[in-house]
C-alpha atoms as a PDB file:
ATOM      1  CA  UNK A   1     -88.138 -24.476  47.041  1.00  0.00           C
ATOM      2  CA  UNK A   2     -87.298 -20.996  45.870  1.00  0.00           C
ATOM      3  CA  UNK A   3     -83.816 -19.620  45.665  1.00  0.00           C
ATOM      4  CA  UNK A   4     -82.748 -17.546  48.644  1.00  0.00           C
ATOM      5  CA  UNK A   5     -79.565 -15.656  49.431  1.00  0.00           C
ATOM      6  CA  UNK A   6     -77.027 -17.868  51.202  1.00  0.00           C
ATOM      7  CA  UNK A   7     -74.032 -16.969  53.367  1.00  0.00           C
ATOM      8  CA  UNK A   8     -70.909 -16.365  51.299  1.00  0.00           C
ATOM      9  CA  UNK A   9     -68.775 -18.574  53.573  1.00  0.00           C
ATOM     10  CA  UNK A  10     -71.177 -21.495  53.084  1.00  0.00           C
ATOM     11  CA  UNK A  11     -71.175 -21.093  49.313  1.00  0.00           C
ATOM     12  CA  UNK A  12     -67.371 -20.910  49.196  1.00  0.00           C
ATOM     13  CA  UNK A  13     -67.136 -24.126  51.266  1.00  0.00           C
ATOM     14  CA  UNK A  14     -69.513 -25.753  48.771  1.00  0.00           C
ATOM     15  CA  UNK A  15     -67.415 -24.644  45.786  1.00  0.00           C
ATOM     16  CA  UNK A  16     -64.258 -26.025  47.422  1.00  0.00           C
ATOM     17  CA  UNK A  17     -66.014 -29.324  48.197  1.00  0.00           C
ATOM     18  CA  UNK A  18     -67.029 -29.583  44.522  1.00  0.00           C
ATOM     19  CA  UNK A  19     -63.351 -29.293  43.546  1.00  0.00           C
ATOM     20  CA  UNK A  20     -63.384 -25.704  42.338  1.00  0.00           C
ATOM     21  CA  UNK A  21     -60.448 -23.397  42.942  1.00  0.00           C
ATOM     22  CA  UNK A  22     -60.553 -19.700  43.694  1.00  0.00           C
ATOM     23  CA  UNK A  23     -58.249 -17.921  41.270  1.00  0.00           C
ATOM     24  CA  UNK A  24     -58.291 -14.721  43.250  1.00  0.00           C
ATOM     25  CA  UNK A  25     -59.409 -11.359  42.123  1.00  0.00           C
ATOM     26  CA  UNK A  26     -58.980 -10.043  38.659  1.00  0.00           C
ATOM     27  CA  UNK A  27     -56.800  -6.986  38.444  1.00  0.00           C
ATOM     28  CA  UNK A  28     -58.326  -4.138  40.376  1.00  0.00           C
ATOM     29  CA  UNK A  29     -61.749  -5.685  40.945  1.00  0.00           C
ATOM     30  CA  UNK A  30     -63.592  -6.898  44.004  1.00  0.00           C
ATOM     31  CA  UNK A  31     -64.829 -10.111  42.368  1.00  0.00           C
ATOM     32  CA  UNK A  32     -63.288 -13.534  42.918  1.00  0.00           C
ATOM     33  CA  UNK A  33     -63.241 -16.066  40.072  1.00  0.00           C
ATOM     34  CA  UNK A  34     -63.901 -19.782  40.775  1.00  0.00           C
ATOM     35  CA  UNK A  35     -63.380 -22.600  38.286  1.00  0.00           C
ATOM     36  CA  UNK A  36     -62.054 -26.150  38.116  1.00  0.00           C
ATOM     37  CA  UNK A  37     -58.264 -26.546  38.321  1.00  0.00           C
ATOM     38  CA  UNK A  38     -56.466 -25.679  35.116  1.00  0.00           C
ATOM     39  CA  UNK A  39     -55.468 -29.317  34.513  1.00  0.00           C
ATOM     40  CA  UNK A  40     -59.079 -30.330  33.789  1.00  0.00           C
ATOM     41  CA  UNK A  41     -61.896 -28.926  31.644  1.00  0.00           C
ATOM     42  CA  UNK A  42     -63.394 -25.789  33.127  1.00  0.00           C
ATOM     43  CA  UNK A  43     -66.950 -24.627  33.541  1.00  0.00           C
ATOM     44  CA  UNK A  44     -68.799 -23.136  30.570  1.00  0.00           C
ATOM     45  CA  UNK A  45     -68.718 -19.893  32.549  1.00  0.00           C
ATOM     46  CA  UNK A  46     -66.592 -19.401  35.685  1.00  0.00           C
ATOM     47  CA  UNK A  47     -68.391 -18.578  38.897  1.00  0.00           C
ATOM     48  CA  UNK A  48     -67.751 -15.016  40.027  1.00  0.00           C
ATOM     49  CA  UNK A  49     -68.580 -13.878  43.563  1.00  0.00           C
ATOM     50  CA  UNK A  50     -67.871 -10.963  45.863  1.00  0.00           C
ATOM     51  CA  UNK A  51     -66.583 -12.620  49.050  1.00  0.00           C
ATOM     52  CA  UNK A  52     -66.676  -9.417  51.085  1.00  0.00           C
ATOM     53  CA  UNK A  53     -70.477  -9.540  51.034  1.00  0.00           C
ATOM     54  CA  UNK A  54     -72.143 -11.467  53.834  1.00  0.00           C
ATOM     55  CA  UNK A  55     -74.549 -13.237  51.463  1.00  0.00           C
ATOM     56  CA  UNK A  56     -74.581 -14.383  47.865  1.00  0.00           C
ATOM     57  CA  UNK A  57     -77.747 -13.003  46.178  1.00  0.00           C
ATOM     58  CA  UNK A  58     -80.372 -15.520  45.048  1.00  0.00           C
ATOM     59  CA  UNK A  59     -79.878 -14.712  41.350  1.00  0.00           C
ATOM     60  CA  UNK A  60     -76.127 -15.360  41.635  1.00  0.00           C
ATOM     61  CA  UNK A  61     -76.770 -18.697  43.332  1.00  0.00           C
ATOM     62  CA  UNK A  62     -79.150 -19.625  40.518  1.00  0.00           C
ATOM     63  CA  UNK A  63     -76.738 -18.706  37.710  1.00  0.00           C
ATOM     64  CA  UNK A  64     -73.843 -20.414  39.489  1.00  0.00           C
ATOM     65  CA  UNK A  65     -75.825 -23.636  39.747  1.00  0.00           C
ATOM     66  CA  UNK A  66     -76.627 -23.392  36.039  1.00  0.00           C
ATOM     67  CA  UNK A  67     -72.895 -23.108  35.300  1.00  0.00           C
ATOM     68  CA  UNK A  68     -72.276 -26.180  37.484  1.00  0.00           C
ATOM     69  CA  UNK A  69     -75.051 -28.040  35.661  1.00  0.00           C
ATOM     70  CA  UNK A  70     -77.110 -28.847  38.750  1.00  0.00           C
ATOM     71  CA  UNK A  71     -80.567 -27.906  39.966  1.00  0.00           C
ATOM     72  CA  UNK A  72     -81.573 -26.428  43.309  1.00  0.00           C
ATOM     73  CA  UNK A  73     -82.727 -29.748  44.803  1.00  0.00           C
ATOM     74  CA  UNK A  74     -79.400 -31.360  43.951  1.00  0.00           C
ATOM     75  CA  UNK A  75     -77.596 -28.372  45.485  1.00  0.00           C
ATOM     76  CA  UNK A  76     -79.562 -28.698  48.734  1.00  0.00           C
ATOM     77  CA  UNK A  77     -78.973 -32.465  48.858  1.00  0.00           C
ATOM     78  CA  UNK A  78     -75.235 -32.040  48.237  1.00  0.00           C
ATOM     79  CA  UNK A  79     -74.957 -29.433  50.998  1.00  0.00           C
ATOM     80  CA  UNK A  80     -76.121 -32.114  53.435  1.00  0.00           C
ATOM     81  CA  UNK A  81     -74.126 -34.976  51.841  1.00  0.00           C
ATOM     82  CA  UNK A  82     -70.913 -32.949  51.902  1.00  0.00           C
ATOM     83  CA  UNK A  83     -71.486 -32.056  55.561  1.00  0.00           C
ATOM     84  CA  UNK A  84     -71.742 -28.328  54.908  1.00  0.00           C
ATOM     85  CA  UNK A  85     -75.178 -28.016  56.533  1.00  0.00           C
ATOM     86  CA  UNK A  86     -77.162 -30.302  58.794  1.00  0.00           C
ATOM     87  CA  UNK A  87     -80.241 -32.020  57.476  1.00  0.00           C
ATOM     88  CA  UNK A  88     -83.503 -30.513  58.581  1.00  0.00           C
ATOM     89  CA  UNK A  89     -85.443 -33.180  60.399  1.00  0.00           C
ATOM     90  CA  UNK A  90     -88.920 -33.543  61.749  1.00  0.00           C
ATOM     91  CA  UNK A  91     -89.599 -32.697  65.346  1.00  0.00           C
ATOM     92  CA  UNK A  92     -90.456 -35.666  67.513  1.00  0.00           C
ATOM     93  CA  UNK A  93     -93.891 -35.672  69.078  1.00  0.00           C
END
């Protein structure tokens, strides 16, 4: 499945469920920095998002997943496993 923009609130819930912490905005910017807590090893590159936007662009989702070290299928599976989204099921005949 191709990457698509996702709602910012959903992506933030996912980051929190993965144990990441939002370190707020850097001085004078509109971007929020997310990384693991300071008492454990961080990501190779922190995830940076603009929470005031309604959706996270597809390219940002893709690069964020690369920083987390997971692929898109794993991301979709974890969204369901963590209870962030409901599993899409087949319609009964």
